Amino acid sequence: MNFLSVDDSSTMRKIISLALKGAGHTVVEAENGKQALETLKTAKVDCILLDINMPEMNGIEFLKARKSDPSIASLPVFVLTTQDEESLKAEAMSLGAKGFIVKPFQKEALLSAISSGI
């Protein structure tokens, strides 16, 4: 599968990439929601891993933009964030997120959540 990892932390993008590539997937990266929307215009992506707190366009803003664009609205999105407030989780899920994974996470938990949610 082809993943888009969207996180303003280069370290977190690297951790996600290593976990996914180690499981045989390919990964493209974006630093924020705005860059992710640009990337999605040219990259073939099967699933998006999305942080919430990012500059320029945060994860919730990205989910809203994704929902209004028919070309990407059906792409599965998993939120990966340090925040675990129920209200944030409910908002992300109402905007179409398939799953909500709290950082830090174990590689196995990430891969399991993705495989069961897609």
N, C-alpha and C. Protein backbone atom coordinates (compact mmCIF):
# COMPACT_ATOMS: atom_id res chain seq x y z
N MET A 1 0.83 -1.19 0.00
CA MET A 1 0.00 0.00 0.00
C MET A 1 0.87 1.25 0.00
N ASN A 2 0.29 2.33 -0.47
CA ASN A 2 0.97 3.62 -0.50
C ASN A 2 0.35 4.52 0.57
N PHE A 3 1.20 5.02 1.46
CA PHE A 3 0.74 5.86 2.56
C PHE A 3 1.25 7.29 2.41
N LEU A 4 0.48 8.23 2.93
CA LEU A 4 0.91 9.61 3.08
C LEU A 4 0.98 9.88 4.57
N SER A 5 2.16 10.20 5.05
CA SER A 5 2.38 10.54 6.45
C SER A 5 2.43 12.06 6.57
N VAL A 6 1.50 12.62 7.34
CA VAL A 6 1.39 14.07 7.48
C VAL A 6 1.67 14.44 8.94
N ASP A 7 2.83 15.05 9.18
CA ASP A 7 3.24 15.40 10.53
C ASP A 7 4.30 16.48 10.43
N ASP A 8 4.23 17.49 11.29
CA ASP A 8 5.22 18.56 11.24
C ASP A 8 6.55 18.13 11.87
N SER A 9 6.58 17.01 12.55
CA SER A 9 7.81 16.50 13.15
C SER A 9 8.52 15.56 12.17
N SER A 10 9.71 15.95 11.74
CA SER A 10 10.46 15.08 10.83
C SER A 10 10.82 13.76 11.51
N THR A 11 11.05 13.78 12.81
CA THR A 11 11.36 12.56 13.55
C THR A 11 10.17 11.61 13.52
N MET A 12 8.98 12.14 13.76
CA MET A 12 7.78 11.29 13.75
C MET A 12 7.53 10.73 12.35
N ARG A 13 7.73 11.55 11.31
CA ARG A 13 7.55 11.05 9.94
C ARG A 13 8.54 9.92 9.67
N LYS A 14 9.75 10.05 10.17
CA LYS A 14 10.76 9.00 9.97
C LYS A 14 10.36 7.72 10.70
N ILE A 15 9.87 7.83 11.92
CA ILE A 15 9.43 6.66 12.68
C ILE A 15 8.29 5.95 11.95
N ILE A 16 7.32 6.72 11.48
CA ILE A 16 6.18 6.15 10.75
C ILE A 16 6.67 5.48 9.46
N SER A 17 7.53 6.17 8.73
CA SER A 17 8.07 5.62 7.48
C SER A 17 8.80 4.31 7.70
N LEU A 18 9.65 4.26 8.72
CA LEU A 18 10.40 3.03 9.01
C LEU A 18 9.45 1.88 9.34
N ALA A 19 8.42 2.16 10.13
CA ALA A 19 7.46 1.11 10.50
C ALA A 19 6.72 0.60 9.27
N LEU A 20 6.27 1.51 8.43
CA LEU A 20 5.49 1.10 7.25
C LEU A 20 6.36 0.45 6.18
N LYS A 21 7.52 1.04 5.93
CA LYS A 21 8.41 0.46 4.92
C LYS A 21 8.89 -0.93 5.36
N GLY A 22 9.10 -1.10 6.65
CA GLY A 22 9.49 -2.40 7.19
C GLY A 22 8.42 -3.46 6.98
N ALA A 23 7.18 -3.02 6.82
CA ALA A 23 6.07 -3.94 6.58
C ALA A 23 5.75 -4.05 5.08
N GLY A 24 6.63 -3.48 4.24
CA GLY A 24 6.48 -3.62 2.80
C GLY A 24 5.68 -2.55 2.10
N HIS A 25 5.38 -1.46 2.79
CA HIS A 25 4.59 -0.38 2.20
C HIS A 25 5.50 0.74 1.68
N THR A 26 4.93 1.63 0.88
CA THR A 26 5.66 2.83 0.46
C THR A 26 5.05 4.03 1.17
N VAL A 27 5.87 5.06 1.36
CA VAL A 27 5.44 6.22 2.13
C VAL A 27 5.91 7.50 1.45
N VAL A 28 4.99 8.46 1.30
CA VAL A 28 5.36 9.82 0.94
C VAL A 28 5.03 10.68 2.16
N GLU A 29 5.66 11.84 2.26
CA GLU A 29 5.53 12.64 3.47
C GLU A 29 5.10 14.07 3.16
N ALA A 30 4.41 14.66 4.14
CA ALA A 30 4.06 16.08 4.08
C ALA A 30 4.20 16.65 5.48
N GLU A 31 4.57 17.94 5.56
CA GLU A 31 4.82 18.58 6.85
C GLU A 31 3.58 19.18 7.48
N ASN A 32 2.51 19.36 6.71
CA ASN A 32 1.27 19.93 7.24
C ASN A 32 0.12 19.61 6.28
N GLY A 33 -1.08 19.98 6.68
CA GLY A 33 -2.24 19.67 5.86
C GLY A 33 -2.22 20.33 4.50
N LYS A 34 -1.73 21.55 4.43
CA LYS A 34 -1.66 22.26 3.15
C LYS A 34 -0.73 21.53 2.18
N GLN A 35 0.42 21.13 2.67
CA GLN A 35 1.37 20.39 1.84
C GLN A 35 0.78 19.02 1.46
N ALA A 36 0.03 18.42 2.35
CA ALA A 36 -0.60 17.13 2.07
C ALA A 36 -1.59 17.25 0.91
N LEU A 37 -2.38 18.30 0.89
CA LEU A 37 -3.34 18.51 -0.21
C LEU A 37 -2.60 18.65 -1.53
N GLU A 38 -1.47 19.35 -1.53
CA GLU A 38 -0.67 19.48 -2.75
C GLU A 38 -0.10 18.13 -3.18
N THR A 39 0.41 17.38 -2.22
CA THR A 39 0.98 16.06 -2.51
C THR A 39 -0.07 15.14 -3.12
N LEU A 40 -1.29 15.21 -2.61
CA LEU A 40 -2.36 14.33 -3.09
C LEU A 40 -2.77 14.61 -4.54
N LYS A 41 -2.38 15.76 -5.07
CA LYS A 41 -2.69 16.07 -6.46
C LYS A 41 -1.87 15.21 -7.42
N THR A 42 -0.70 14.73 -6.96
CA THR A 42 0.18 13.99 -7.86
C THR A 42 0.53 12.58 -7.37
N ALA A 43 0.48 12.35 -6.06
CA ALA A 43 0.88 11.05 -5.52
C ALA A 43 -0.30 10.10 -5.44
N LYS A 44 -0.04 8.82 -5.76
CA LYS A 44 -1.06 7.79 -5.59
C LYS A 44 -0.97 7.30 -4.15
N VAL A 45 -2.04 7.52 -3.40
CA VAL A 45 -2.05 7.20 -1.98
C VAL A 45 -3.27 6.34 -1.67
N ASP A 46 -3.06 5.31 -0.84
CA ASP A 46 -4.15 4.43 -0.43
C ASP A 46 -4.67 4.77 0.97
N CYS A 47 -3.84 5.45 1.77
CA CYS A 47 -4.20 5.73 3.15
C CYS A 47 -3.37 6.91 3.66
N ILE A 48 -3.96 7.70 4.56
CA ILE A 48 -3.29 8.88 5.12
C ILE A 48 -3.15 8.71 6.63
N LEU A 49 -1.95 8.99 7.14
CA LEU A 49 -1.70 9.04 8.58
C LEU A 49 -1.49 10.50 8.93
N LEU A 50 -2.34 11.03 9.81
CA LEU A 50 -2.46 12.47 9.99
C LEU A 50 -2.27 12.91 11.43
N ASP A 51 -1.36 13.85 11.64
CA ASP A 51 -1.20 14.51 12.93
C ASP A 51 -2.30 15.57 13.05
N ILE A 52 -2.57 16.02 14.25
CA ILE A 52 -3.56 17.08 14.45
C ILE A 52 -2.90 18.44 14.56
N ASN A 53 -1.91 18.58 15.45
CA ASN A 53 -1.29 19.88 15.69
C ASN A 53 -0.15 20.13 14.71
N MET A 54 -0.44 20.98 13.71
CA MET A 54 0.55 21.34 12.70
C MET A 54 0.35 22.80 12.30
N PRO A 55 1.42 23.46 11.85
CA PRO A 55 1.28 24.83 11.35
C PRO A 55 0.62 24.85 9.97
N GLU A 56 0.19 26.01 9.56
CA GLU A 56 -0.41 26.29 8.25
C GLU A 56 -1.79 25.68 8.09
N MET A 57 -1.91 24.36 8.21
CA MET A 57 -3.21 23.70 8.17
C MET A 57 -3.13 22.49 9.09
N ASN A 58 -3.92 22.51 10.17
CA ASN A 58 -3.86 21.41 11.12
C ASN A 58 -4.69 20.21 10.62
N GLY A 59 -4.68 19.14 11.39
CA GLY A 59 -5.35 17.92 10.98
C GLY A 59 -6.86 18.06 10.81
N ILE A 60 -7.49 18.79 11.71
CA ILE A 60 -8.94 18.98 11.61
C ILE A 60 -9.27 19.79 10.36
N GLU A 61 -8.51 20.83 10.09
CA GLU A 61 -8.72 21.63 8.87
C GLU A 61 -8.50 20.76 7.63
N PHE A 62 -7.49 19.87 7.67
CA PHE A 62 -7.25 18.98 6.55
C PHE A 62 -8.44 18.04 6.34
N LEU A 63 -8.95 17.47 7.43
CA LEU A 63 -10.10 16.56 7.31
C LEU A 63 -11.30 17.26 6.68
N LYS A 64 -11.52 18.51 7.05
CA LYS A 64 -12.63 19.28 6.46
C LYS A 64 -12.39 19.50 4.97
N ALA A 65 -11.17 19.86 4.60
CA ALA A 65 -10.83 20.08 3.18
C ALA A 65 -10.95 18.78 2.40
N ARG A 66 -10.49 17.69 2.97
CA ARG A 66 -10.57 16.36 2.32
C ARG A 66 -12.02 15.97 2.07
N LYS A 67 -12.85 16.22 3.05
CA LYS A 67 -14.27 15.84 2.96
C LYS A 67 -14.98 16.58 1.82
N SER A 68 -14.51 17.79 1.52
CA SER A 68 -15.17 18.60 0.48
C SER A 68 -14.57 18.40 -0.91
N ASP A 69 -13.55 17.55 -1.02
CA ASP A 69 -12.91 17.29 -2.32
C ASP A 69 -13.20 15.85 -2.75
N PRO A 70 -14.10 15.67 -3.73
CA PRO A 70 -14.50 14.31 -4.14
C PRO A 70 -13.34 13.42 -4.58
N SER A 71 -12.25 14.00 -5.06
CA SER A 71 -11.14 13.17 -5.55
C SER A 71 -10.36 12.50 -4.41
N ILE A 72 -10.48 13.02 -3.18
CA ILE A 72 -9.76 12.43 -2.04
C ILE A 72 -10.66 12.11 -0.85
N ALA A 73 -11.94 12.42 -0.95
CA ALA A 73 -12.86 12.28 0.18
C ALA A 73 -12.96 10.84 0.68
N SER A 74 -12.75 9.87 -0.17
CA SER A 74 -12.91 8.48 0.26
C SER A 74 -11.62 7.84 0.76
N LEU A 75 -10.50 8.56 0.71
CA LEU A 75 -9.24 8.00 1.21
C LEU A 75 -9.32 7.79 2.73
N PRO A 76 -8.97 6.60 3.21
CA PRO A 76 -8.99 6.38 4.65
C PRO A 76 -7.91 7.21 5.35
N VAL A 77 -8.29 7.77 6.49
CA VAL A 77 -7.38 8.60 7.28
C VAL A 77 -7.34 8.06 8.71
N PHE A 78 -6.13 7.90 9.22
CA PHE A 78 -5.93 7.54 10.62
C PHE A 78 -5.22 8.70 11.29
N VAL A 79 -5.79 9.19 12.38
CA VAL A 79 -5.20 10.29 13.12
C VAL A 79 -4.18 9.73 14.10
N LEU A 80 -2.97 10.30 14.08
CA LEU A 80 -1.91 9.96 15.03
C LEU A 80 -1.55 11.24 15.76
N THR A 81 -1.85 11.30 17.06
CA THR A 81 -1.64 12.53 17.79
C THR A 81 -1.30 12.26 19.25
N THR A 82 -0.72 13.26 19.90
CA THR A 82 -0.43 13.15 21.33
C THR A 82 -1.68 13.48 22.15
N GLN A 83 -2.66 14.08 21.54
CA GLN A 83 -3.88 14.46 22.24
C GLN A 83 -4.86 13.29 22.25
N ASP A 84 -5.44 13.03 23.42
CA ASP A 84 -6.39 11.93 23.47
C ASP A 84 -7.74 12.35 24.06
N GLU A 85 -8.07 13.62 23.91
CA GLU A 85 -9.36 14.11 24.39
C GLU A 85 -10.49 13.49 23.57
N GLU A 86 -11.54 13.08 24.26
CA GLU A 86 -12.68 12.45 23.59
C GLU A 86 -13.34 13.39 22.58
N SER A 87 -13.40 14.69 22.90
CA SER A 87 -14.04 15.64 21.99
C SER A 87 -13.27 15.75 20.67
N LEU A 88 -11.96 15.72 20.75
CA LEU A 88 -11.14 15.78 19.55
C LEU A 88 -11.31 14.50 18.73
N LYS A 89 -11.30 13.37 19.41
CA LYS A 89 -11.50 12.09 18.74
C LYS A 89 -12.86 12.07 18.05
N ALA A 90 -13.89 12.52 18.74
CA ALA A 90 -15.24 12.54 18.16
C ALA A 90 -15.30 13.46 16.93
N GLU A 91 -14.64 14.62 17.02
CA GLU A 91 -14.64 15.54 15.88
C GLU A 91 -13.92 14.92 14.68
N ALA A 92 -12.76 14.32 14.92
CA ALA A 92 -12.00 13.69 13.83
C ALA A 92 -12.81 12.56 13.20
N MET A 93 -13.44 11.74 14.02
CA MET A 93 -14.23 10.62 13.50
C MET A 93 -15.45 11.13 12.73
N SER A 94 -16.05 12.21 13.20
CA SER A 94 -17.22 12.77 12.50
C SER A 94 -16.83 13.35 11.15
N LEU A 95 -15.56 13.70 11.00
CA LEU A 95 -15.06 14.24 9.73
C LEU A 95 -14.50 13.14 8.84
N GLY A 96 -14.68 11.88 9.23
CA GLY A 96 -14.32 10.78 8.36
C GLY A 96 -13.07 10.00 8.71
N ALA A 97 -12.41 10.32 9.84
CA ALA A 97 -11.24 9.54 10.23
C ALA A 97 -11.68 8.10 10.53
N LYS A 98 -10.86 7.14 10.10
CA LYS A 98 -11.16 5.72 10.32
C LYS A 98 -10.66 5.23 11.66
N GLY A 99 -9.66 5.91 12.20
CA GLY A 99 -9.08 5.48 13.47
C GLY A 99 -8.34 6.62 14.13
N PHE A 100 -8.04 6.43 15.41
CA PHE A 100 -7.41 7.47 16.22
C PHE A 100 -6.35 6.78 17.07
N ILE A 101 -5.09 7.07 16.81
CA ILE A 101 -3.97 6.40 17.49
C ILE A 101 -3.20 7.46 18.28
N VAL A 102 -3.03 7.20 19.57
CA VAL A 102 -2.34 8.17 20.43
C VAL A 102 -0.84 7.88 20.43
N LYS A 103 -0.05 8.94 20.23
CA LYS A 103 1.41 8.86 20.30
C LYS A 103 1.83 8.92 21.76
N PRO A 104 2.88 8.27 22.17
CA PRO A 104 3.68 7.36 21.36
C PRO A 104 2.95 6.04 21.17
N PHE A 105 3.27 5.36 20.11
CA PHE A 105 2.61 4.10 19.79
C PHE A 105 3.67 3.06 19.47
N GLN A 106 3.27 1.81 19.57
CA GLN A 106 4.14 0.70 19.20
C GLN A 106 3.92 0.41 17.72
N LYS A 107 4.95 0.02 17.03
CA LYS A 107 4.87 -0.31 15.60
C LYS A 107 3.75 -1.31 15.33
N GLU A 108 3.68 -2.35 16.14
CA GLU A 108 2.67 -3.39 15.95
C GLU A 108 1.26 -2.84 16.10
N ALA A 109 1.07 -1.93 17.06
CA ALA A 109 -0.25 -1.33 17.28
C ALA A 109 -0.65 -0.48 16.08
N LEU A 110 0.31 0.25 15.51
CA LEU A 110 0.04 1.06 14.33
C LEU A 110 -0.37 0.18 13.16
N LEU A 111 0.42 -0.84 12.87
CA LEU A 111 0.14 -1.72 11.74
C LEU A 111 -1.17 -2.46 11.93
N SER A 112 -1.47 -2.87 13.15
CA SER A 112 -2.72 -3.57 13.44
C SER A 112 -3.92 -2.65 13.25
N ALA A 113 -3.83 -1.43 13.74
CA ALA A 113 -4.94 -0.48 13.61
C ALA A 113 -5.22 -0.17 12.15
N ILE A 114 -4.17 0.00 11.38
CA ILE A 114 -4.32 0.30 9.96
C ILE A 114 -4.96 -0.89 9.23
N SER A 115 -4.43 -2.07 9.47
CA SER A 115 -4.94 -3.24 8.74
C SER A 115 -6.37 -3.56 9.12
N SER A 116 -6.77 -3.31 10.35
CA SER A 116 -8.15 -3.60 10.73
C SER A 116 -9.11 -2.51 10.30
N GLY A 117 -8.59 -1.31 10.05
CA GLY A 117 -9.46 -0.20 9.69
C GLY A 117 -9.65 0.05 8.21
N ILE A 118 -8.82 -0.59 7.38
CA ILE A 118 -8.91 -0.33 5.94
C ILE A 118 -9.81 -1.36 5.28
